[in-house]
PDB file of all heavy atoms in Angstrom:
ATOM      1  N   LYS A   1     177.408  37.223 107.148  1.00  0.00           N
ATOM      2  CA  LYS A   1     176.089  37.405 107.856  1.00  0.00           C
ATOM      3  C   LYS A   1     175.016  37.422 106.857  1.00  0.00           C
ATOM      4  O   LYS A   1     175.161  37.662 105.706  1.00  0.00           O
ATOM      5  CB  LYS A   1     176.130  38.593 108.763  1.00  0.00           C
ATOM      6  CG  LYS A   1     176.430  39.852 107.906  1.00  0.00           C
ATOM      7  CD  LYS A   1     176.551  41.155 108.778  1.00  0.00           C
ATOM      8  CE  LYS A   1     176.874  42.402 107.891  1.00  0.00           C
ATOM      9  NZ  LYS A   1     177.089  43.454 108.671  1.00  0.00           N
ATOM     10  N   GLU A   2     173.779  37.200 107.396  1.00  0.00           N
ATOM     11  CA  GLU A   2     172.571  37.191 106.603  1.00  0.00           C
ATOM     12  C   GLU A   2     172.377  38.617 106.241  1.00  0.00           C
ATOM     13  O   GLU A   2     172.290  39.526 106.978  1.00  0.00           O
ATOM     14  CB  GLU A   2     171.478  36.633 107.429  1.00  0.00           C
ATOM     15  CG  GLU A   2     170.123  36.503 106.625  1.00  0.00           C
ATOM     16  CD  GLU A   2     170.098  35.112 105.793  1.00  0.00           C
ATOM     17  OE1 GLU A   2     170.810  34.165 106.308  1.00  0.00           O
ATOM     18  OE2 GLU A   2     169.595  35.140 104.809  1.00  0.00           O
ATOM     19  N   VAL A   3     172.070  38.873 104.933  1.00  0.00           N
ATOM     20  CA  VAL A   3     171.676  40.206 104.427  1.00  0.00           C
ATOM     21  C   VAL A   3     170.197  40.264 104.246  1.00  0.00           C
ATOM     22  O   VAL A   3     169.603  39.512 103.506  1.00  0.00           O
ATOM     23  CB  VAL A   3     172.434  40.494 103.064  1.00  0.00           C
ATOM     24  CG1 VAL A   3     172.073  41.973 102.547  1.00  0.00           C
ATOM     25  CG2 VAL A   3     173.860  40.407 103.255  1.00  0.00           C
ATOM     26  N   LYS A   4     169.651  41.224 104.976  1.00  0.00           N
ATOM     27  CA  LYS A   4     168.182  41.318 104.845  1.00  0.00           C
ATOM     28  C   LYS A   4     167.770  42.212 103.619  1.00  0.00           C
ATOM     29  O   LYS A   4     168.626  43.000 103.170  1.00  0.00           O
ATOM     30  CB  LYS A   4     167.735  42.103 106.117  1.00  0.00           C
ATOM     31  CG  LYS A   4     168.006  41.386 107.437  1.00  0.00           C
ATOM     32  CD  LYS A   4     167.075  41.614 108.438  1.00  0.00           C
ATOM     33  CE  LYS A   4     167.401  41.102 109.811  1.00  0.00           C
ATOM     34  NZ  LYS A   4     167.749  39.741 110.213  1.00  0.00           N
ATOM     35  N   ILE A   5     166.662  42.007 103.092  1.00  0.00           N
ATOM     36  CA  ILE A   5     166.138  42.619 101.880  1.00  0.00           C
ATOM     37  C   ILE A   5     166.214  44.134 102.206  1.00  0.00           C
ATOM     38  O   ILE A   5     165.646  44.621 103.128  1.00  0.00           O
ATOM     39  CB  ILE A   5     164.794  42.172 101.520  1.00  0.00           C
ATOM     40  CG1 ILE A   5     164.927  40.575 101.135  1.00  0.00           C
ATOM     41  CG2 ILE A   5     164.206  42.917 100.367  1.00  0.00           C
ATOM     42  CD1 ILE A   5     163.544  39.979 100.863  1.00  0.00           C
ATOM     43  N   GLY A   6     166.749  44.873 101.245  1.00  0.00           N
ATOM     44  CA  GLY A   6     166.822  46.299 101.440  1.00  0.00           C
ATOM     45  C   GLY A   6     168.219  46.842 101.982  1.00  0.00           C
ATOM     46  O   GLY A   6     168.334  48.038 102.006  1.00  0.00           O
ATOM     47  N   ASN A   7     168.840  45.940 102.613  1.00  0.00           N
ATOM     48  CA  ASN A   7     170.156  46.435 103.257  1.00  0.00           C
ATOM     49  C   ASN A   7     171.333  46.042 102.341  1.00  0.00           C
ATOM     50  O   ASN A   7     171.237  45.008 101.798  1.00  0.00           O
ATOM     51  CB  ASN A   7     170.315  45.700 104.644  1.00  0.00           C
ATOM     52  CG  ASN A   7     169.352  46.218 105.695  1.00  0.00           C
ATOM     53  OD1 ASN A   7     168.644  47.165 105.451  1.00  0.00           O
ATOM     54  ND2 ASN A   7     169.156  45.458 106.743  1.00  0.00           N
ATOM     55  N   ASP A   8     172.329  46.920 102.478  1.00  0.00           N
ATOM     56  CA  ASP A   8     173.525  46.529 101.676  1.00  0.00           C
ATOM     57  C   ASP A   8     174.511  45.805 102.628  1.00  0.00           C
ATOM     58  O   ASP A   8     174.647  46.195 103.797  1.00  0.00           O
ATOM     59  CB  ASP A   8     174.218  47.842 101.165  1.00  0.00           C
ATOM     60  CG  ASP A   8     173.414  48.414 100.070  1.00  0.00           C
ATOM     61  OD1 ASP A   8     172.710  47.719  99.353  1.00  0.00           O
ATOM     62  OD2 ASP A   8     173.478  49.713  99.876  1.00  0.00           O
ATOM     63  N   ASP A   9     175.073  44.852 102.173  1.00  0.00           N
ATOM     64  CA  ASP A   9     176.076  44.087 102.906  1.00  0.00           C
ATOM     65  C   ASP A   9     177.469  44.773 102.613  1.00  0.00           C
ATOM     66  O   ASP A   9     177.957  44.829 101.491  1.00  0.00           O
ATOM     67  CB  ASP A   9     176.250  42.637 102.675  1.00  0.00           C
ATOM     68  CG  ASP A   9     177.100  41.845 103.519  1.00  0.00           C
ATOM     69  OD1 ASP A   9     177.494  42.364 104.619  1.00  0.00           O
ATOM     70  OD2 ASP A   9     177.274  40.673 103.254  1.00  0.00           O
ATOM     71  N   ASN A  10     178.105  45.268 103.716  1.00  0.00           N
ATOM     72  CA  ASN A  10     179.328  46.025 103.386  1.00  0.00           C
ATOM     73  C   ASN A  10     180.619  45.213 103.753  1.00  0.00           C
ATOM     74  O   ASN A  10     181.724  45.594 103.834  1.00  0.00           O
ATOM     75  CB  ASN A  10     179.278  47.330 104.296  1.00  0.00           C
ATOM     76  CG  ASN A  10     179.073  47.116 105.732  1.00  0.00           C
ATOM     77  OD1 ASN A  10     178.952  45.986 106.164  1.00  0.00           O
ATOM     78  ND2 ASN A  10     178.929  48.181 106.521  1.00  0.00           N
ATOM     79  N   HIS A  11     180.404  43.935 104.015  1.00  0.00           N
ATOM     80  CA  HIS A  11     181.432  42.930 104.252  1.00  0.00           C
ATOM     81  C   HIS A  11     182.445  43.418 105.220  1.00  0.00           C
ATOM     82  O   HIS A  11     183.745  43.382 105.053  1.00  0.00           O
ATOM     83  CB  HIS A  11     182.206  42.601 102.877  1.00  0.00           C
ATOM     84  CG  HIS A  11     181.216  41.986 101.874  1.00  0.00           C
ATOM     85  ND1 HIS A  11     180.785  40.740 101.991  1.00  0.00           N
ATOM     86  CD2 HIS A  11     180.722  42.507 100.771  1.00  0.00           C
ATOM     87  CE1 HIS A  11     180.167  40.450 100.987  1.00  0.00           C
ATOM     88  NE2 HIS A  11     179.952  41.485 100.222  1.00  0.00           N
ATOM     89  N   ASN A  12     181.977  43.859 106.358  1.00  0.00           N
ATOM     90  CA  ASN A  12     182.973  44.337 107.451  1.00  0.00           C
ATOM     91  C   ASN A  12     183.841  43.259 107.963  1.00  0.00           C
ATOM     92  O   ASN A  12     184.937  43.598 108.321  1.00  0.00           O
ATOM     93  CB  ASN A  12     182.082  44.905 108.674  1.00  0.00           C
ATOM     94  CG  ASN A  12     181.504  46.301 108.328  1.00  0.00           C
ATOM     95  OD1 ASN A  12     181.972  46.954 107.481  1.00  0.00           O
ATOM     96  ND2 ASN A  12     180.445  46.635 108.981  1.00  0.00           N
ATOM     97  N   ILE A  13     183.393  42.016 108.105  1.00  0.00           N
ATOM     98  CA  ILE A  13     184.242  40.937 108.637  1.00  0.00           C
ATOM     99  C   ILE A  13     185.468  40.782 107.657  1.00  0.00           C
ATOM    100  O   ILE A  13     186.668  40.762 108.266  1.00  0.00           O
ATOM    101  CB  ILE A  13     183.444  39.630 108.737  1.00  0.00           C
ATOM    102  CG1 ILE A  13     182.343  39.707 109.695  1.00  0.00           C
ATOM    103  CG2 ILE A  13     184.386  38.422 108.981  1.00  0.00           C
ATOM    104  CD1 ILE A  13     181.458  38.590 109.730  1.00  0.00           C
ATOM    105  N   ALA A  14     185.320  40.660 106.455  1.00  0.00           N
ATOM    106  CA  ALA A  14     186.514  40.497 105.519  1.00  0.00           C
ATOM    107  C   ALA A  14     187.217  41.887 105.460  1.00  0.00           C
ATOM    108  O   ALA A  14     188.473  41.839 105.376  1.00  0.00           O
ATOM    109  CB  ALA A  14     185.921  40.140 104.101  1.00  0.00           C
ATOM    110  N   LYS A  15     186.640  42.907 105.312  1.00  0.00           N
ATOM    111  CA  LYS A  15     187.180  44.236 105.193  1.00  0.00           C
ATOM    112  C   LYS A  15     188.075  44.627 106.451  1.00  0.00           C
ATOM    113  O   LYS A  15     189.200  45.026 106.233  1.00  0.00           O
ATOM    114  CB  LYS A  15     186.197  45.292 104.902  1.00  0.00           C
ATOM    115  CG  LYS A  15     186.735  46.724 104.613  1.00  0.00           C
ATOM    116  CD  LYS A  15     185.623  47.594 104.168  1.00  0.00           C
ATOM    117  CE  LYS A  15     186.219  49.000 103.764  1.00  0.00           C
ATOM    118  NZ  LYS A  15     185.106  49.877 103.378  1.00  0.00           N
ATOM    119  N   TYR A  16     187.570  44.425 107.650  1.00  0.00           N
ATOM    120  CA  TYR A  16     188.327  44.903 108.766  1.00  0.00           C
ATOM    121  C   TYR A  16     188.959  43.767 109.559  1.00  0.00           C
ATOM    122  O   TYR A  16     189.746  44.097 110.521  1.00  0.00           O
ATOM    123  CB  TYR A  16     187.334  45.707 109.735  1.00  0.00           C
ATOM    124  CG  TYR A  16     186.811  46.954 109.022  1.00  0.00           C
ATOM    125  CD1 TYR A  16     185.419  47.003 108.600  1.00  0.00           C
ATOM    126  CD2 TYR A  16     187.688  48.053 108.666  1.00  0.00           C
ATOM    127  CE1 TYR A  16     184.952  48.136 107.936  1.00  0.00           C
ATOM    128  CE2 TYR A  16     187.166  49.111 108.081  1.00  0.00           C
ATOM    129  CZ  TYR A  16     185.887  49.171 107.719  1.00  0.00           C
ATOM    130  OH  TYR A  16     185.340  50.327 107.049  1.00  0.00           O
ATOM    131  N   HIS A  17     188.831  42.593 109.278  1.00  0.00           N
ATOM    132  CA  HIS A  17     189.252  41.547 110.019  1.00  0.00           C
ATOM    133  C   HIS A  17     190.079  40.445 109.224  1.00  0.00           C
ATOM    134  O   HIS A  17     191.383  40.281 109.401  1.00  0.00           O
ATOM    135  CB  HIS A  17     188.209  40.852 110.785  1.00  0.00           C
ATOM    136  CG  HIS A  17     188.701  39.840 111.931  1.00  0.00           C
ATOM    137  ND1 HIS A  17     189.515  40.197 112.909  1.00  0.00           N
ATOM    138  CD2 HIS A  17     188.502  38.602 112.105  1.00  0.00           C
ATOM    139  CE1 HIS A  17     189.739  39.267 113.702  1.00  0.00           C
ATOM    140  NE2 HIS A  17     189.175  38.180 113.175  1.00  0.00           N
ATOM    141  N   ILE A  18     189.461  39.842 108.251  1.00  0.00           N
ATOM    142  CA  ILE A  18     190.117  38.809 107.510  1.00  0.00           C
ATOM    143  C   ILE A  18     191.335  39.242 106.610  1.00  0.00           C
ATOM    144  O   ILE A  18     192.400  38.842 106.684  1.00  0.00           O
ATOM    145  CB  ILE A  18     189.052  37.935 106.608  1.00  0.00           C
ATOM    146  CG1 ILE A  18     188.197  37.213 107.592  1.00  0.00           C
ATOM    147  CG2 ILE A  18     189.878  36.998 105.851  1.00  0.00           C
ATOM    148  CD1 ILE A  18     187.068  36.500 106.796  1.00  0.00           C
ATOM    149  N   ILE A  19     190.896  40.244 105.673  1.00  0.00           N
ATOM    150  CA  ILE A  19     191.987  40.833 104.777  1.00  0.00           C
ATOM    151  C   ILE A  19     193.202  41.413 105.533  1.00  0.00           C
ATOM    152  O   ILE A  19     194.365  41.090 105.272  1.00  0.00           O
ATOM    153  CB  ILE A  19     191.342  41.718 103.754  1.00  0.00           C
ATOM    154  CG1 ILE A  19     190.314  41.058 102.858  1.00  0.00           C
ATOM    155  CG2 ILE A  19     192.491  42.465 102.966  1.00  0.00           C
ATOM    156  CD1 ILE A  19     190.933  39.904 101.937  1.00  0.00           C
ATOM    157  N   PRO A  20     192.985  42.194 106.538  1.00  0.00           N
ATOM    158  CA  PRO A  20     194.036  42.787 107.346  1.00  0.00           C
ATOM    159  C   PRO A  20     194.966  41.738 107.955  1.00  0.00           C
ATOM    160  O   PRO A  20     196.197  41.768 108.031  1.00  0.00           O
ATOM    161  CB  PRO A  20     193.492  43.702 108.362  1.00  0.00           C
ATOM    162  CG  PRO A  20     192.225  44.127 107.776  1.00  0.00           C
ATOM    163  CD  PRO A  20     191.702  42.952 107.062  1.00  0.00           C
ATOM    164  N   THR A  21     194.224  40.625 108.439  1.00  0.00           N
ATOM    165  CA  THR A  21     195.051  39.484 109.073  1.00  0.00           C
ATOM    166  C   THR A  21     195.991  38.777 108.064  1.00  0.00           C
ATOM    167  O   THR A  21     196.989  38.452 108.252  1.00  0.00           O
ATOM    168  CB  THR A  21     194.075  38.523 109.766  1.00  0.00           C
ATOM    169  OG1 THR A  21     193.359  39.249 110.703  1.00  0.00           O
ATOM    170  CG2 THR A  21     194.828  37.325 110.393  1.00  0.00           C
ATOM    171  N   LEU A  22     195.398  38.644 106.788  1.00  0.00           N
ATOM    172  CA  LEU A  22     196.062  37.993 105.766  1.00  0.00           C
ATOM    173  C   LEU A  22     197.303  38.797 105.412  1.00  0.00           C
ATOM    174  O   LEU A  22     198.443  38.279 105.298  1.00  0.00           O
ATOM    175  CB  LEU A  22     195.115  37.734 104.494  1.00  0.00           C
ATOM    176  CG  LEU A  22     194.072  36.761 104.765  1.00  0.00           C
ATOM    177  CD1 LEU A  22     193.197  36.632 103.459  1.00  0.00           C
ATOM    178  CD2 LEU A  22     194.506  35.348 105.089  1.00  0.00           C
ATOM    179  N   LYS A  23     197.090  40.089 105.255  1.00  0.00           N
ATOM    180  CA  LYS A  23     198.201  41.097 104.933  1.00  0.00           C
ATOM    181  C   LYS A  23     199.241  40.911 106.002  1.00  0.00           C
ATOM    182  O   LYS A  23     200.486  40.872 105.765  1.00  0.00           O
ATOM    183  CB  LYS A  23     197.723  42.474 104.708  1.00  0.00           C
ATOM    184  CG  LYS A  23     196.915  42.577 103.512  1.00  0.00           C
ATOM    185  CD  LYS A  23     196.507  44.056 103.330  1.00  0.00           C
ATOM    186  CE  LYS A  23     195.713  44.149 101.981  1.00  0.00           C
ATOM    187  NZ  LYS A  23     195.346  45.523 101.670  1.00  0.00           N
ATOM    188  N   LYS A  24     198.870  40.946 107.287  1.00  0.00           N
ATOM    189  CA  LYS A  24     199.856  40.932 108.414  1.00  0.00           C
ATOM    190  C   LYS A  24     200.590  39.651 108.354  1.00  0.00           C
ATOM    191  O   LYS A  24     201.849  39.624 108.750  1.00  0.00           O
ATOM    192  CB  LYS A  24     199.090  40.962 109.766  1.00  0.00           C
ATOM    193  CG  LYS A  24     199.900  40.976 111.012  1.00  0.00           C
ATOM    194  CD  LYS A  24     199.106  41.012 112.228  1.00  0.00           C
ATOM    195  CE  LYS A  24     199.895  40.931 113.535  1.00  0.00           C
ATOM    196  NZ  LYS A  24     199.053  40.962 114.704  1.00  0.00           N
ATOM    197  N   LYS A  25     200.029  38.552 107.897  1.00  0.00           N
ATOM    198  CA  LYS A  25     200.725  37.310 107.809  1.00  0.00           C
ATOM    199  C   LYS A  25     201.447  37.185 106.407  1.00  0.00           C
ATOM    200  O   LYS A  25     201.924  36.013 106.088  1.00  0.00           O
ATOM    201  CB  LYS A  25     199.791  36.071 108.002  1.00  0.00           C
ATOM    202  CG  LYS A  25     199.159  36.089 109.450  1.00  0.00           C
ATOM    203  CD  LYS A  25     198.309  34.867 109.474  1.00  0.00           C
ATOM    204  CE  LYS A  25     197.893  34.603 111.014  1.00  0.00           C
ATOM    205  NZ  LYS A  25     199.040  33.959 111.770  1.00  0.00           N
ATOM    206  N   ARG A  26     201.430  38.196 105.661  1.00  0.00           N
ATOM    207  CA  ARG A  26     202.088  38.204 104.492  1.00  0.00           C
ATOM    208  C   ARG A  26     201.551  37.070 103.415  1.00  0.00           C
ATOM    209  O   ARG A  26     202.138  36.526 102.552  1.00  0.00           O
ATOM    210  CB  ARG A  26     203.625  38.046 104.426  1.00  0.00           C
ATOM    211  CG  ARG A  26     204.310  39.062 105.145  1.00  0.00           C
ATOM    212  CD  ARG A  26     205.805  38.809 105.140  1.00  0.00           C
ATOM    213  NE  ARG A  26     206.470  39.760 106.014  1.00  0.00           N
ATOM    214  CZ  ARG A  26     207.720  39.654 106.256  1.00  0.00           C
ATOM    215  NH1 ARG A  26     208.501  38.717 105.626  1.00  0.00           N
ATOM    216  NH2 ARG A  26     208.379  40.472 107.056  1.00  0.00           N
ATOM    217  N   ILE A  27     200.170  36.810 103.599  1.00  0.00           N
ATOM    218  CA  ILE A  27     199.484  36.011 102.688  1.00  0.00           C
ATOM    219  C   ILE A  27     198.934  36.682 101.476  1.00  0.00           C
ATOM    220  O   ILE A  27     198.158  37.702 101.653  1.00  0.00           O
ATOM    221  CB  ILE A  27     198.254  35.290 103.412  1.00  0.00           C
ATOM    222  CG1 ILE A  27     198.945  34.459 104.492  1.00  0.00           C
ATOM    223  CG2 ILE A  27     197.492  34.416 102.342  1.00  0.00           C
ATOM    224  CD1 ILE A  27     197.888  33.741 105.423  1.00  0.00           C
TER     225      ILE A  27
END
């Protein structure tokens, strides 16, 4: 997602969706 100036991007998509899916698939 677009990060607005002054906001921190916490990478919720990768942290809570992509990486757990990869782990579940043993990737």
